[in-house]
Amino acid sequence: MADFFSKRFGKNVWITRHARESMLRRNVDADTLERVIEEGEIKRRDEVSLWVFMSMQGRADNLICAAMVEQTAMIVKTVMINWELEDET
């Protein structure tokens, strides 16, 4: 069973074990992750890989970022904090 359904992407979201462990280490709960995925900015690496990131009020370790793969479902591979968007130019 999926972890939740993303209205934004119109797909189920699955959180890998590695991502859950990353969330625990970085003090990111499921509600925060869901908010990042539903409301955060999107940066695509290619057709299937993307980062969804968001600054969360009250946290000093921003940006929170979910590294994801988009297939028939959205797969959260890992969750990062203090993430920096790299310029590809």
Protein backbone atom coordinates (compact mmCIF):
# COMPACT_ATOMS: atom_id res chain seq x y z
CA MET A 1 0.00 0.00 0.00
CA ALA A 2 1.28 3.47 -0.90
CA ASP A 3 2.31 5.90 1.81
CA PHE A 4 -0.01 8.59 0.45
CA PHE A 5 -1.58 9.85 -2.77
CA SER A 6 -0.17 13.03 -4.29
CA LYS A 7 -2.87 15.28 -5.70
CA ARG A 8 -0.14 17.36 -7.32
CA PHE A 9 1.33 14.49 -9.32
CA GLY A 10 -1.86 12.41 -9.51
CA LYS A 11 0.05 9.33 -8.33
CA ASN A 12 0.70 7.22 -5.26
CA VAL A 13 3.85 8.09 -3.31
CA TRP A 14 6.09 5.36 -1.94
CA ILE A 15 8.83 6.14 0.60
CA THR A 16 11.82 3.78 0.50
CA ARG A 17 13.40 2.39 3.64
CA HIS A 18 16.48 4.52 2.97
CA ALA A 19 14.30 7.65 2.73
CA ARG A 20 12.56 6.75 6.02
CA GLU A 21 15.92 6.37 7.73
CA SER A 22 17.04 9.72 6.28
CA MET A 23 13.85 11.35 7.54
CA LEU A 24 14.44 10.00 11.04
CA ARG A 25 18.06 11.23 11.14
CA ARG A 26 17.04 14.64 9.84
CA ASN A 27 13.92 15.10 11.95
CA VAL A 28 11.54 15.27 8.97
CA ASP A 29 8.15 13.76 9.75
CA ALA A 30 5.68 12.32 7.22
CA ASP A 31 3.46 15.44 7.26
CA THR A 32 6.46 17.66 6.48
CA LEU A 33 7.55 15.40 3.63
CA GLU A 34 4.04 15.37 2.19
CA ARG A 35 3.91 19.17 2.35
CA VAL A 36 7.27 19.43 0.57
CA ILE A 37 6.07 17.09 -2.19
CA GLU A 38 2.72 18.83 -2.62
CA GLU A 39 3.88 22.46 -2.36
CA GLY A 40 7.64 22.59 -2.99
CA GLU A 41 9.56 23.71 -6.04
CA ILE A 42 10.46 21.09 -8.62
CA LYS A 43 13.81 20.65 -10.36
CA ARG A 44 13.95 17.85 -12.93
CA ARG A 45 17.22 16.09 -13.60
CA ASP A 46 15.83 14.07 -16.49
CA GLU A 47 12.57 12.43 -17.59
CA VAL A 48 12.18 10.37 -14.42
CA SER A 49 14.45 11.86 -11.72
CA LEU A 50 13.58 15.03 -9.86
CA TRP A 51 14.10 16.96 -6.68
CA VAL A 52 11.23 18.60 -4.82
CA PHE A 53 12.38 21.15 -2.27
CA MET A 54 10.99 23.72 0.12
CA SER A 55 12.06 26.03 2.89
CA MET A 56 10.07 25.35 6.05
CA GLN A 57 9.38 28.11 8.53
CA GLY A 58 10.86 27.44 11.96
CA ARG A 59 13.66 25.19 10.68
CA ALA A 60 17.27 26.31 10.58
CA ASP A 61 18.34 23.44 8.30
CA ASN A 62 16.61 24.49 5.09
CA LEU A 63 16.13 23.58 2.24
CA ILE A 64 14.36 20.25 2.78
CA CYS A 65 14.56 18.17 -0.38
CA ALA A 66 13.05 14.88 -1.52
CA ALA A 67 14.99 13.09 -4.26
CA MET A 68 12.36 11.23 -6.25
CA VAL A 69 11.78 9.00 -9.24
CA GLU A 70 8.58 9.38 -11.24
CA GLN A 71 7.20 6.20 -12.78
CA THR A 72 3.71 4.75 -12.38
CA ALA A 73 4.11 5.99 -8.80
CA MET A 74 6.33 8.62 -7.19
CA ILE A 75 9.22 6.96 -5.33
CA VAL A 76 11.02 8.95 -2.61
CA LYS A 77 14.62 7.71 -2.70
CA THR A 78 16.05 9.95 0.02
CA VAL A 79 15.32 13.08 2.02
CA MET A 80 17.95 15.77 2.53
CA ILE A 81 18.31 18.96 4.56
CA ASN A 82 20.54 21.98 3.96
CA TRP A 83 20.13 21.17 0.29
CA GLU A 84 21.43 23.62 -2.29
CA LEU A 85 20.09 24.01 -5.79
CA GLU A 86 23.00 23.78 -8.20
CA ASP A 87 23.08 25.99 -11.25
CA GLU A 88 23.74 23.93 -14.37
CA THR A 89 25.18 26.76 -16.44
